[in-house]
Amino acid sequence: MTPEEIEAYFTRDGQYAFARWGRPIVPVVFGVEDATLGTIKGAFEAVVALAGHRMAETDPELGANLMVFFFRDWAELREVPDLDRMIPDLHPLIDRLEAAQATQYRAFRFDDAGGIQACFVFIRMGGGMEELPAETIALTQAVMAILTWGERAFSETSPLALHPETGATILRPDVAGLIRAAYDPVMPVAADDPSHALRLSARMSVA
């Protein structure tokens, strides 16, 4: 990827805004059957391993720091206990998501160093989302939660591809390379200067 392409991936509201996880990831998934649960957790484990990051059994502050919710209607979130304590202005947010007929939303919390401290992933199984294979949904959400992507990242092209020989759903090699570069130990956990995109491009070239 060129530095310009990378910069576009992490630009939001006209500003460069990059962050990666600064702590081990502890996922918990709500609203799916046990058979699907394994698929979702497996996808997150695969992306975390790709990044060279870590998972853990518990987070000392939050217990679980990556919460994934599957549901049929946004209104269901109004009944989730204490969710309004974790997501500021939850009810107005739900109103906006309902009006937009959104199928997914992610909210991040950050630590003092600017790294990702927690992520809340909401997936409405409607609007065509219910027709996608579980593997596709799981891998896409794992990619979207591993970094703070910009608002237009993957809006026109998916981060996934089909393996040319097996037909299996895989992560695009360029996206995989970018994730690995983002988690290189020499790189910062957060950055707001576009020159960071130059460094990511250089790390990808070295790899």
N, C-alpha and C. Protein backbone atom coordinates (compact mmCIF):
# COMPACT_ATOMS: atom_id res chain seq x y z
N MET A 1 0.83 -1.19 0.00
CA MET A 1 0.00 0.00 0.00
C MET A 1 0.87 1.25 0.00
N THR A 2 0.40 2.27 -0.68
CA THR A 2 1.11 3.55 -0.66
C THR A 2 0.75 4.29 0.64
N PRO A 3 1.60 5.24 1.05
CA PRO A 3 1.25 6.03 2.24
C PRO A 3 -0.10 6.73 2.11
N GLU A 4 -0.44 7.16 0.90
CA GLU A 4 -1.71 7.84 0.69
C GLU A 4 -2.88 6.90 0.91
N GLU A 5 -2.74 5.67 0.45
CA GLU A 5 -3.80 4.68 0.66
C GLU A 5 -3.97 4.37 2.15
N ILE A 6 -2.84 4.23 2.84
CA ILE A 6 -2.90 3.94 4.27
C ILE A 6 -3.51 5.12 5.03
N GLU A 7 -3.13 6.32 4.67
CA GLU A 7 -3.69 7.51 5.33
C GLU A 7 -5.21 7.54 5.19
N ALA A 8 -5.72 7.18 4.02
CA ALA A 8 -7.17 7.17 3.81
C ALA A 8 -7.86 6.16 4.71
N TYR A 9 -7.20 5.05 5.00
CA TYR A 9 -7.78 4.03 5.86
C TYR A 9 -7.99 4.52 7.28
N PHE A 10 -7.22 5.50 7.71
CA PHE A 10 -7.30 5.95 9.11
C PHE A 10 -7.70 7.43 9.23
N THR A 11 -8.41 7.93 8.24
CA THR A 11 -8.88 9.31 8.28
C THR A 11 -10.36 9.34 8.61
N ARG A 12 -10.68 10.12 9.62
CA ARG A 12 -12.07 10.26 10.05
C ARG A 12 -12.37 11.74 10.26
N ASP A 13 -13.46 12.20 9.65
CA ASP A 13 -13.84 13.62 9.73
C ASP A 13 -12.68 14.52 9.31
N GLY A 14 -11.91 14.07 8.32
CA GLY A 14 -10.82 14.88 7.79
C GLY A 14 -9.54 14.83 8.60
N GLN A 15 -9.53 14.06 9.70
CA GLN A 15 -8.37 14.00 10.57
C GLN A 15 -7.80 12.59 10.62
N TYR A 16 -6.49 12.48 10.66
CA TYR A 16 -5.84 11.19 10.81
C TYR A 16 -6.00 10.73 12.26
N ALA A 17 -6.50 9.52 12.45
CA ALA A 17 -6.74 9.02 13.81
C ALA A 17 -6.53 7.51 13.83
N PHE A 18 -5.38 7.11 14.33
CA PHE A 18 -5.03 5.69 14.39
C PHE A 18 -4.92 5.25 15.84
N ALA A 19 -5.40 4.04 16.13
CA ALA A 19 -5.18 3.44 17.45
C ALA A 19 -5.24 1.93 17.30
N ARG A 20 -4.44 1.25 18.10
CA ARG A 20 -4.48 -0.20 18.19
C ARG A 20 -4.70 -0.56 19.66
N TRP A 21 -4.94 -1.84 19.91
CA TRP A 21 -5.15 -2.28 21.29
C TRP A 21 -3.86 -2.14 22.09
N GLY A 22 -3.99 -1.61 23.30
CA GLY A 22 -2.84 -1.46 24.17
C GLY A 22 -2.81 -2.49 25.28
N ARG A 23 -3.72 -3.46 25.24
CA ARG A 23 -3.83 -4.47 26.28
C ARG A 23 -4.33 -5.76 25.64
N PRO A 24 -4.18 -6.90 26.32
CA PRO A 24 -4.73 -8.15 25.77
C PRO A 24 -6.23 -8.03 25.56
N ILE A 25 -6.71 -8.71 24.54
CA ILE A 25 -8.12 -8.66 24.18
C ILE A 25 -8.88 -9.80 24.84
N VAL A 26 -10.01 -9.45 25.46
CA VAL A 26 -10.85 -10.44 26.14
C VAL A 26 -12.26 -10.33 25.55
N PRO A 27 -12.59 -11.18 24.58
CA PRO A 27 -13.90 -11.05 23.92
C PRO A 27 -15.01 -11.82 24.64
N VAL A 28 -16.23 -11.32 24.48
CA VAL A 28 -17.42 -12.03 24.92
C VAL A 28 -18.50 -11.73 23.88
N VAL A 29 -19.27 -12.75 23.53
CA VAL A 29 -20.25 -12.64 22.45
C VAL A 29 -21.64 -12.95 22.99
N PHE A 30 -22.62 -12.10 22.62
CA PHE A 30 -24.00 -12.27 23.07
C PHE A 30 -24.91 -12.48 21.86
N GLY A 31 -25.93 -13.32 22.02
CA GLY A 31 -26.98 -13.41 21.03
C GLY A 31 -26.78 -14.43 19.93
N VAL A 32 -25.85 -15.38 20.11
CA VAL A 32 -25.64 -16.41 19.10
C VAL A 32 -25.67 -17.79 19.75
N GLU A 33 -25.90 -18.81 18.92
CA GLU A 33 -25.89 -20.18 19.41
C GLU A 33 -24.45 -20.65 19.60
N ASP A 34 -24.31 -21.73 20.36
CA ASP A 34 -22.97 -22.23 20.69
C ASP A 34 -22.16 -22.57 19.45
N ALA A 35 -22.80 -23.13 18.43
CA ALA A 35 -22.08 -23.51 17.21
C ALA A 35 -21.50 -22.30 16.51
N THR A 36 -22.24 -21.21 16.51
CA THR A 36 -21.76 -19.98 15.87
C THR A 36 -20.73 -19.28 16.73
N LEU A 37 -20.85 -19.45 18.04
CA LEU A 37 -19.92 -18.81 18.97
C LEU A 37 -18.48 -19.22 18.66
N GLY A 38 -18.27 -20.49 18.39
CA GLY A 38 -16.93 -20.96 18.08
C GLY A 38 -16.37 -20.31 16.83
N THR A 39 -17.22 -20.11 15.83
CA THR A 39 -16.79 -19.47 14.58
C THR A 39 -16.36 -18.04 14.84
N ILE A 40 -17.15 -17.32 15.63
CA ILE A 40 -16.85 -15.90 15.90
C ILE A 40 -15.57 -15.76 16.71
N LYS A 41 -15.46 -16.52 17.78
CA LYS A 41 -14.25 -16.42 18.61
C LYS A 41 -13.02 -16.88 17.83
N GLY A 42 -13.20 -17.89 16.96
CA GLY A 42 -12.08 -18.34 16.15
C GLY A 42 -11.58 -17.27 15.21
N ALA A 43 -12.49 -16.47 14.65
CA ALA A 43 -12.10 -15.38 13.75
C ALA A 43 -11.32 -14.31 14.50
N PHE A 44 -11.77 -13.97 15.70
CA PHE A 44 -11.05 -12.98 16.49
C PHE A 44 -9.68 -13.49 16.90
N GLU A 45 -9.61 -14.77 17.27
CA GLU A 45 -8.32 -15.34 17.64
C GLU A 45 -7.35 -15.31 16.46
N ALA A 46 -7.86 -15.59 15.25
CA ALA A 46 -7.01 -15.60 14.06
C ALA A 46 -6.46 -14.21 13.75
N VAL A 47 -7.29 -13.18 13.85
CA VAL A 47 -6.84 -11.83 13.54
C VAL A 47 -5.88 -11.32 14.61
N VAL A 48 -6.15 -11.64 15.86
CA VAL A 48 -5.24 -11.24 16.94
C VAL A 48 -3.88 -11.91 16.77
N ALA A 49 -3.89 -13.19 16.39
CA ALA A 49 -2.62 -13.90 16.15
C ALA A 49 -1.88 -13.30 14.97
N LEU A 50 -2.61 -12.95 13.93
CA LEU A 50 -2.00 -12.30 12.76
C LEU A 50 -1.30 -11.01 13.17
N ALA A 51 -1.94 -10.24 14.03
CA ALA A 51 -1.38 -8.97 14.47
C ALA A 51 -0.17 -9.16 15.38
N GLY A 52 -0.01 -10.37 15.93
CA GLY A 52 1.05 -10.59 16.91
C GLY A 52 0.68 -10.04 18.26
N HIS A 53 -0.61 -9.85 18.47
CA HIS A 53 -1.10 -9.32 19.75
C HIS A 53 -1.48 -10.49 20.65
N ARG A 54 -2.16 -10.21 21.76
CA ARG A 54 -2.46 -11.24 22.75
C ARG A 54 -3.94 -11.21 23.14
N MET A 55 -4.43 -12.38 23.54
CA MET A 55 -5.74 -12.49 24.15
C MET A 55 -5.55 -12.96 25.58
N ALA A 56 -6.58 -12.80 26.39
CA ALA A 56 -6.50 -13.19 27.80
C ALA A 56 -7.86 -13.69 28.26
N GLU A 57 -7.88 -14.29 29.43
CA GLU A 57 -9.12 -14.83 30.00
C GLU A 57 -9.97 -13.74 30.64
N THR A 58 -9.30 -12.69 31.14
CA THR A 58 -10.06 -11.61 31.79
C THR A 58 -9.27 -10.33 31.76
N ASP A 59 -9.99 -9.21 31.76
CA ASP A 59 -9.38 -7.89 31.84
C ASP A 59 -9.51 -7.40 33.27
N PRO A 60 -8.41 -6.92 33.88
CA PRO A 60 -8.46 -6.56 35.30
C PRO A 60 -9.44 -5.43 35.62
N GLU A 61 -9.74 -4.58 34.65
CA GLU A 61 -10.66 -3.46 34.89
C GLU A 61 -12.09 -3.77 34.48
N LEU A 62 -12.25 -4.43 33.33
CA LEU A 62 -13.58 -4.58 32.75
C LEU A 62 -14.09 -6.01 32.73
N GLY A 63 -13.25 -6.96 33.03
CA GLY A 63 -13.64 -8.36 32.88
C GLY A 63 -13.49 -8.77 31.44
N ALA A 64 -14.41 -8.34 30.58
CA ALA A 64 -14.32 -8.50 29.13
C ALA A 64 -14.20 -7.10 28.53
N ASN A 65 -13.31 -6.94 27.55
CA ASN A 65 -13.13 -5.61 26.96
C ASN A 65 -13.51 -5.53 25.48
N LEU A 66 -13.94 -6.65 24.90
CA LEU A 66 -14.45 -6.67 23.53
C LEU A 66 -15.79 -7.38 23.56
N MET A 67 -16.86 -6.60 23.54
CA MET A 67 -18.22 -7.15 23.66
C MET A 67 -18.91 -7.08 22.31
N VAL A 68 -19.39 -8.24 21.85
CA VAL A 68 -20.03 -8.34 20.54
C VAL A 68 -21.49 -8.75 20.75
N PHE A 69 -22.40 -7.92 20.26
CA PHE A 69 -23.83 -8.16 20.44
C PHE A 69 -24.49 -8.44 19.08
N PHE A 70 -25.20 -9.56 18.97
CA PHE A 70 -26.01 -9.88 17.81
C PHE A 70 -27.48 -9.79 18.21
N PHE A 71 -28.29 -9.19 17.33
CA PHE A 71 -29.72 -9.01 17.66
C PHE A 71 -30.50 -8.76 16.37
N ARG A 72 -31.81 -8.77 16.49
CA ARG A 72 -32.68 -8.57 15.33
C ARG A 72 -33.14 -7.13 15.17
N ASP A 73 -33.22 -6.42 16.28
CA ASP A 73 -33.75 -5.06 16.23
C ASP A 73 -32.99 -4.18 17.20
N TRP A 74 -32.68 -2.96 16.78
CA TRP A 74 -31.92 -2.04 17.63
C TRP A 74 -32.59 -1.80 18.97
N ALA A 75 -33.93 -1.87 18.99
CA ALA A 75 -34.66 -1.61 20.23
C ALA A 75 -34.29 -2.61 21.33
N GLU A 76 -33.81 -3.78 20.95
CA GLU A 76 -33.43 -4.78 21.95
C GLU A 76 -32.33 -4.27 22.87
N LEU A 77 -31.48 -3.36 22.35
CA LEU A 77 -30.37 -2.86 23.16
C LEU A 77 -30.85 -2.01 24.33
N ARG A 78 -32.06 -1.47 24.23
CA ARG A 78 -32.59 -0.65 25.32
C ARG A 78 -32.83 -1.48 26.58
N GLU A 79 -32.94 -2.78 26.39
CA GLU A 79 -33.24 -3.67 27.52
C GLU A 79 -32.00 -4.33 28.10
N VAL A 80 -30.83 -4.08 27.53
CA VAL A 80 -29.60 -4.71 28.03
C VAL A 80 -29.17 -4.00 29.32
N PRO A 81 -29.08 -4.72 30.44
CA PRO A 81 -28.74 -4.07 31.72
C PRO A 81 -27.38 -3.37 31.68
N ASP A 82 -27.35 -2.15 32.18
CA ASP A 82 -26.13 -1.36 32.37
C ASP A 82 -25.43 -0.97 31.07
N LEU A 83 -26.02 -1.28 29.92
CA LEU A 83 -25.35 -0.90 28.67
C LEU A 83 -25.26 0.61 28.53
N ASP A 84 -26.24 1.33 29.06
CA ASP A 84 -26.21 2.78 28.98
C ASP A 84 -25.10 3.38 29.83
N ARG A 85 -24.55 2.60 30.77
CA ARG A 85 -23.42 3.07 31.56
C ARG A 85 -22.11 2.95 30.78
N MET A 86 -22.07 2.02 29.83
CA MET A 86 -20.87 1.80 29.03
C MET A 86 -20.86 2.59 27.74
N ILE A 87 -22.04 2.87 27.20
CA ILE A 87 -22.16 3.63 25.95
C ILE A 87 -22.85 4.95 26.24
N PRO A 88 -22.12 6.07 26.21
CA PRO A 88 -22.73 7.38 26.48
C PRO A 88 -23.87 7.68 25.50
N ASP A 89 -24.92 8.30 26.00
CA ASP A 89 -26.06 8.69 25.16
C ASP A 89 -26.58 7.52 24.33
N LEU A 90 -26.75 6.38 24.98
CA LEU A 90 -27.15 5.17 24.28
C LEU A 90 -28.48 5.33 23.55
N HIS A 91 -29.48 5.86 24.21
CA HIS A 91 -30.81 5.90 23.62
C HIS A 91 -30.89 6.84 22.41
N PRO A 92 -30.32 8.04 22.44
CA PRO A 92 -30.28 8.84 21.22
C PRO A 92 -29.50 8.15 20.10
N LEU A 93 -28.44 7.43 20.47
CA LEU A 93 -27.67 6.70 19.47
C LEU A 93 -28.54 5.64 18.81
N ILE A 94 -29.30 4.89 19.59
CA ILE A 94 -30.18 3.87 19.03
C ILE A 94 -31.20 4.51 18.10
N ASP A 95 -31.72 5.68 18.48
CA ASP A 95 -32.68 6.39 17.61
C ASP A 95 -32.05 6.68 16.25
N ARG A 96 -30.79 7.14 16.24
CA ARG A 96 -30.12 7.46 14.98
C ARG A 96 -29.86 6.20 14.16
N LEU A 97 -29.46 5.12 14.81
CA LEU A 97 -29.17 3.88 14.10
C LEU A 97 -30.46 3.28 13.52
N GLU A 98 -31.56 3.40 14.25
CA GLU A 98 -32.84 2.91 13.74
C GLU A 98 -33.26 3.73 12.52
N ALA A 99 -33.11 5.05 12.61
CA ALA A 99 -33.51 5.92 11.50
C ALA A 99 -32.69 5.64 10.25
N ALA A 100 -31.42 5.31 10.45
CA ALA A 100 -30.52 5.04 9.32
C ALA A 100 -30.63 3.60 8.82
N GLN A 101 -31.41 2.77 9.53
CA GLN A 101 -31.54 1.35 9.21
C GLN A 101 -30.15 0.69 9.17
N ALA A 102 -29.31 1.08 10.10
CA ALA A 102 -27.94 0.57 10.15
C ALA A 102 -27.93 -0.91 10.52
N THR A 103 -26.93 -1.61 10.03
CA THR A 103 -26.79 -3.03 10.35
C THR A 103 -25.65 -3.29 11.32
N GLN A 104 -24.79 -2.28 11.55
CA GLN A 104 -23.68 -2.50 12.48
C GLN A 104 -23.17 -1.16 13.03
N TYR A 105 -22.55 -1.24 14.18
CA TYR A 105 -21.97 -0.05 14.82
C TYR A 105 -20.91 -0.51 15.80
N ARG A 106 -19.84 0.27 15.90
CA ARG A 106 -18.76 -0.02 16.85
C ARG A 106 -18.47 1.23 17.67
N ALA A 107 -18.26 1.01 18.96
CA ALA A 107 -17.88 2.09 19.87
C ALA A 107 -16.59 1.69 20.58
N PHE A 108 -15.63 2.61 20.64
CA PHE A 108 -14.34 2.33 21.26
C PHE A 108 -14.15 3.19 22.50
N ARG A 109 -13.42 2.65 23.46
CA ARG A 109 -12.91 3.42 24.58
C ARG A 109 -11.40 3.33 24.57
N PHE A 110 -10.74 4.39 25.06
CA PHE A 110 -9.29 4.48 24.93
C PHE A 110 -8.63 4.70 26.29
N ASP A 111 -7.39 4.22 26.42
CA ASP A 111 -6.65 4.41 27.65
C ASP A 111 -5.87 5.72 27.61
N ASP A 112 -5.10 5.99 28.64
CA ASP A 112 -4.38 7.26 28.74
C ASP A 112 -3.34 7.44 27.64
N ALA A 113 -2.85 6.34 27.08
CA ALA A 113 -1.85 6.42 26.01
C ALA A 113 -2.50 6.54 24.63
N GLY A 114 -3.83 6.51 24.59
CA GLY A 114 -4.54 6.60 23.31
C GLY A 114 -4.82 5.27 22.67
N GLY A 115 -4.34 4.17 23.29
CA GLY A 115 -4.60 2.83 22.76
C GLY A 115 -6.02 2.39 23.05
N ILE A 116 -6.49 1.40 22.29
CA ILE A 116 -7.84 0.90 22.51
C ILE A 116 -7.91 0.17 23.85
N GLN A 117 -8.86 0.57 24.66
CA GLN A 117 -9.08 -0.04 25.97
C GLN A 117 -10.25 -1.02 25.93
N ALA A 118 -11.26 -0.69 25.12
CA ALA A 118 -12.44 -1.53 25.01
C ALA A 118 -13.14 -1.24 23.68
N CYS A 119 -13.88 -2.23 23.19
CA CYS A 119 -14.64 -2.07 21.96
C CYS A 119 -15.98 -2.77 22.13
N PHE A 120 -17.04 -2.09 21.69
CA PHE A 120 -18.39 -2.64 21.74
C PHE A 120 -18.89 -2.75 20.30
N VAL A 121 -19.21 -3.95 19.88
CA VAL A 121 -19.61 -4.22 18.50
C VAL A 121 -21.09 -4.62 18.50
N PHE A 122 -21.89 -3.92 17.69
CA PHE A 122 -23.32 -4.19 17.60
C PHE A 122 -23.66 -4.59 16.17
N ILE A 123 -24.30 -5.75 16.01
CA ILE A 123 -24.61 -6.26 14.69
C ILE A 123 -26.09 -6.62 14.63
N ARG A 124 -26.83 -5.90 13.79
CA ARG A 124 -28.26 -6.19 13.59
C ARG A 124 -28.39 -7.19 12.45
N MET A 125 -28.97 -8.33 12.74
CA MET A 125 -29.11 -9.37 11.73
C MET A 125 -30.35 -9.11 10.88
N GLY A 126 -30.22 -8.09 10.05
CA GLY A 126 -31.28 -7.70 9.13
C GLY A 126 -30.65 -6.89 8.01
N GLY A 127 -31.48 -6.44 7.09
CA GLY A 127 -30.96 -5.61 6.00
C GLY A 127 -29.96 -6.33 5.11
N GLY A 128 -30.08 -7.66 5.03
CA GLY A 128 -29.17 -8.45 4.22
C GLY A 128 -28.05 -9.10 5.01
N MET A 129 -27.80 -8.59 6.21
CA MET A 129 -26.74 -9.15 7.04
C MET A 129 -27.01 -10.62 7.36
N GLU A 130 -28.30 -10.97 7.52
CA GLU A 130 -28.65 -12.34 7.89
C GLU A 130 -28.36 -13.34 6.78
N GLU A 131 -28.12 -12.85 5.56
CA GLU A 131 -27.85 -13.74 4.43
C GLU A 131 -26.36 -14.07 4.30
N LEU A 132 -25.52 -13.38 5.04
CA LEU A 132 -24.08 -13.61 4.93
C LEU A 132 -23.66 -14.82 5.76
N PRO A 133 -22.65 -15.57 5.30
CA PRO A 133 -22.14 -16.68 6.11
C PRO A 133 -21.56 -16.18 7.42
N ALA A 134 -21.67 -17.00 8.46
CA ALA A 134 -21.16 -16.60 9.78
C ALA A 134 -19.67 -16.30 9.71
N GLU A 135 -18.93 -17.07 8.90
CA GLU A 135 -17.49 -16.86 8.79
C GLU A 135 -17.17 -15.47 8.24
N THR A 136 -17.95 -15.02 7.28
CA THR A 136 -17.73 -13.70 6.68
C THR A 136 -18.00 -12.60 7.68
N ILE A 137 -19.11 -12.70 8.39
CA ILE A 137 -19.44 -11.69 9.40
C ILE A 137 -18.38 -11.67 10.49
N ALA A 138 -17.99 -12.83 10.97
CA ALA A 138 -17.04 -12.91 12.08
C ALA A 138 -15.69 -12.34 11.70
N LEU A 139 -15.16 -12.71 10.54
CA LEU A 139 -13.84 -12.23 10.13
C LEU A 139 -13.86 -10.74 9.86
N THR A 140 -14.94 -10.25 9.25
CA THR A 140 -15.05 -8.81 9.00
C THR A 140 -15.06 -8.03 10.30
N GLN A 141 -15.85 -8.47 11.27
CA GLN A 141 -15.93 -7.76 12.54
C GLN A 141 -14.62 -7.82 13.31
N ALA A 142 -13.90 -8.93 13.20
CA ALA A 142 -12.60 -9.02 13.86
C ALA A 142 -11.63 -8.01 13.28
N VAL A 143 -11.64 -7.87 11.97
CA VAL A 143 -10.78 -6.88 11.31
C VAL A 143 -11.16 -5.47 11.75
N MET A 144 -12.46 -5.17 11.78
CA MET A 144 -12.91 -3.82 12.09
C MET A 144 -12.65 -3.45 13.55
N ALA A 145 -12.50 -4.46 14.43
CA ALA A 145 -12.29 -4.18 15.85
C ALA A 145 -10.82 -4.16 16.24
N ILE A 146 -9.93 -4.62 15.38
CA ILE A 146 -8.51 -4.72 15.75
C ILE A 146 -7.80 -3.38 15.66
N LEU A 147 -8.35 -2.44 14.86
CA LEU A 147 -7.80 -1.09 14.72
C LEU A 147 -8.96 -0.11 14.61
N THR A 148 -8.68 1.17 14.80
CA THR A 148 -9.71 2.20 14.61
C THR A 148 -9.63 2.70 13.17
N TRP A 149 -10.35 2.05 12.29
CA TRP A 149 -10.34 2.42 10.88
C TRP A 149 -11.13 3.71 10.66
N GLY A 150 -10.82 4.40 9.58
CA GLY A 150 -11.53 5.62 9.22
C GLY A 150 -12.93 5.32 8.71
N GLU A 151 -13.70 6.37 8.53
CA GLU A 151 -15.12 6.22 8.21
C GLU A 151 -15.36 5.60 6.83
N ARG A 152 -14.39 5.74 5.91
CA ARG A 152 -14.58 5.21 4.56
C ARG A 152 -13.78 3.94 4.30
N ALA A 153 -13.08 3.47 5.30
CA ALA A 153 -12.31 2.24 5.12
C ALA A 153 -13.26 1.08 4.77
N PHE A 154 -12.98 0.41 3.70
CA PHE A 154 -13.74 -0.75 3.25
C PHE A 154 -15.18 -0.42 2.86
N SER A 155 -15.45 0.85 2.60
CA SER A 155 -16.80 1.22 2.18
C SER A 155 -17.08 0.79 0.75
N GLU A 156 -16.01 0.64 -0.05
CA GLU A 156 -16.18 0.25 -1.44
C GLU A 156 -15.61 -1.14 -1.74
N THR A 157 -14.62 -1.57 -0.96
CA THR A 157 -14.03 -2.89 -1.15
C THR A 157 -13.95 -3.60 0.20
N SER A 158 -14.26 -4.86 0.21
CA SER A 158 -14.24 -5.65 1.44
C SER A 158 -12.80 -5.94 1.87
N PRO A 159 -12.57 -6.07 3.18
CA PRO A 159 -11.23 -6.48 3.63
C PRO A 159 -10.99 -7.97 3.39
N LEU A 160 -12.01 -8.67 2.89
CA LEU A 160 -11.91 -10.11 2.71
C LEU A 160 -11.80 -10.47 1.23
N ALA A 161 -11.37 -11.69 0.97
CA ALA A 161 -11.27 -12.21 -0.39
C ALA A 161 -11.51 -13.71 -0.34
N LEU A 162 -11.64 -14.33 -1.50
CA LEU A 162 -11.79 -15.77 -1.59
C LEU A 162 -10.46 -16.39 -2.00
N HIS A 163 -10.07 -17.43 -1.31
CA HIS A 163 -8.83 -18.12 -1.65
C HIS A 163 -8.96 -18.68 -3.06
N PRO A 164 -7.97 -18.41 -3.94
CA PRO A 164 -8.11 -18.80 -5.35
C PRO A 164 -8.19 -20.30 -5.57
N GLU A 165 -7.69 -21.10 -4.63
CA GLU A 165 -7.70 -22.55 -4.81
C GLU A 165 -8.81 -23.24 -4.04
N THR A 166 -9.01 -22.82 -2.79
CA THR A 166 -9.99 -23.51 -1.95
C THR A 166 -11.36 -22.84 -1.94
N GLY A 167 -11.40 -21.54 -2.29
CA GLY A 167 -12.65 -20.81 -2.23
C GLY A 167 -13.02 -20.36 -0.83
N ALA A 168 -12.14 -20.60 0.14
CA ALA A 168 -12.40 -20.19 1.52
C ALA A 168 -12.30 -18.68 1.66
N THR A 169 -13.07 -18.14 2.61
CA THR A 169 -13.00 -16.71 2.89
C THR A 169 -11.74 -16.41 3.69
N ILE A 170 -10.93 -15.49 3.19
CA ILE A 170 -9.67 -15.13 3.84
C ILE A 170 -9.54 -13.62 3.92
N LEU A 171 -8.60 -13.18 4.70
CA LEU A 171 -8.28 -11.76 4.80
C LEU A 171 -7.42 -11.37 3.61
N ARG A 172 -7.71 -10.25 2.98
CA ARG A 172 -6.90 -9.78 1.85
C ARG A 172 -5.45 -9.63 2.29
N PRO A 173 -4.49 -10.08 1.50
CA PRO A 173 -3.08 -10.01 1.90
C PRO A 173 -2.61 -8.61 2.24
N ASP A 174 -3.07 -7.60 1.50
CA ASP A 174 -2.62 -6.23 1.78
C ASP A 174 -3.16 -5.74 3.12
N VAL A 175 -4.40 -6.10 3.43
CA VAL A 175 -4.99 -5.71 4.72
C VAL A 175 -4.28 -6.45 5.86
N ALA A 176 -3.99 -7.72 5.63
CA ALA A 176 -3.25 -8.50 6.64
C ALA A 176 -1.88 -7.88 6.90
N GLY A 177 -1.21 -7.47 5.84
CA GLY A 177 0.10 -6.84 6.00
C GLY A 177 0.03 -5.53 6.74
N LEU A 178 -1.04 -4.78 6.51
CA LEU A 178 -1.21 -3.50 7.20
C LEU A 178 -1.45 -3.72 8.69
N ILE A 179 -2.26 -4.72 9.03
CA ILE A 179 -2.51 -5.03 10.44
C ILE A 179 -1.22 -5.45 11.14
N ARG A 180 -0.45 -6.30 10.49
CA ARG A 180 0.83 -6.73 11.08
C ARG A 180 1.75 -5.53 11.31
N ALA A 181 1.82 -4.63 10.32
CA ALA A 181 2.68 -3.45 10.46
C ALA A 181 2.20 -2.55 11.59
N ALA A 182 0.88 -2.43 11.73
CA ALA A 182 0.32 -1.56 12.77
C ALA A 182 0.67 -2.05 14.16
N TYR A 183 0.84 -3.37 14.31
CA TYR A 183 1.17 -3.94 15.62
C TYR A 183 2.65 -4.22 15.79
N ASP A 184 3.47 -3.74 14.87
CA ASP A 184 4.92 -3.87 15.04
C ASP A 184 5.32 -3.17 16.34
N PRO A 185 6.13 -3.80 17.17
CA PRO A 185 6.49 -3.21 18.47
C PRO A 185 7.13 -1.83 18.37
N VAL A 186 7.74 -1.51 17.23
CA VAL A 186 8.39 -0.19 17.11
C VAL A 186 7.38 0.91 16.81
N MET A 187 6.14 0.54 16.49
CA MET A 187 5.12 1.52 16.14
C MET A 187 4.34 1.94 17.38
N PRO A 188 3.84 3.17 17.42
CA PRO A 188 3.08 3.64 18.58
C PRO A 188 1.69 3.02 18.62
N VAL A 189 1.09 3.01 19.82
CA VAL A 189 -0.27 2.46 19.95
C VAL A 189 -1.31 3.42 19.41
N ALA A 190 -0.96 4.69 19.26
CA ALA A 190 -1.89 5.69 18.75
C ALA A 190 -1.12 6.78 18.02
N ALA A 191 -1.75 7.39 17.03
CA ALA A 191 -1.10 8.46 16.27
C ALA A 191 -2.17 9.34 15.64
N ASP A 192 -1.90 10.64 15.59
CA ASP A 192 -2.81 11.57 14.93
C ASP A 192 -2.12 12.39 13.85
N ASP A 193 -0.86 12.03 13.52
CA ASP A 193 -0.10 12.71 12.48
C ASP A 193 -0.04 11.82 11.25
N PRO A 194 -0.41 12.34 10.07
CA PRO A 194 -0.39 11.53 8.85
C PRO A 194 0.98 10.93 8.52
N SER A 195 2.05 11.45 9.10
CA SER A 195 3.37 10.87 8.86
C SER A 195 3.43 9.42 9.37
N HIS A 196 2.52 9.08 10.25
CA HIS A 196 2.42 7.71 10.74
C HIS A 196 2.14 6.74 9.58
N ALA A 197 1.38 7.20 8.59
CA ALA A 197 1.09 6.37 7.42
C ALA A 197 2.36 6.06 6.64
N LEU A 198 3.29 6.99 6.60
CA LEU A 198 4.58 6.75 5.95
C LEU A 198 5.34 5.64 6.66
N ARG A 199 5.31 5.66 7.98
CA ARG A 199 6.00 4.64 8.75
C ARG A 199 5.36 3.27 8.56
N LEU A 200 4.02 3.25 8.51
CA LEU A 200 3.33 1.98 8.28
C LEU A 200 3.70 1.41 6.91
N SER A 201 3.73 2.27 5.91
CA SER A 201 4.09 1.83 4.56
C SER A 201 5.49 1.27 4.55
N ALA A 202 6.40 1.91 5.27
CA ALA A 202 7.78 1.44 5.32
C ALA A 202 7.87 0.08 6.01
N ARG A 203 7.09 -0.11 7.10
CA ARG A 203 7.10 -1.38 7.79
C ARG A 203 6.56 -2.50 6.89
N MET A 204 5.54 -2.20 6.11
CA MET A 204 4.99 -3.18 5.19
C MET A 204 6.01 -3.57 4.13
N SER A 205 6.79 -2.60 3.67
CA SER A 205 7.82 -2.87 2.66
C SER A 205 8.91 -3.75 3.23
N VAL A 206 9.29 -3.50 4.47
CA VAL A 206 10.32 -4.32 5.13
C VAL A 206 9.82 -5.75 5.28
N ALA A 207 8.56 -5.88 5.70
CA ALA A 207 7.99 -7.22 5.89
C ALA A 207 7.93 -8.00 4.59
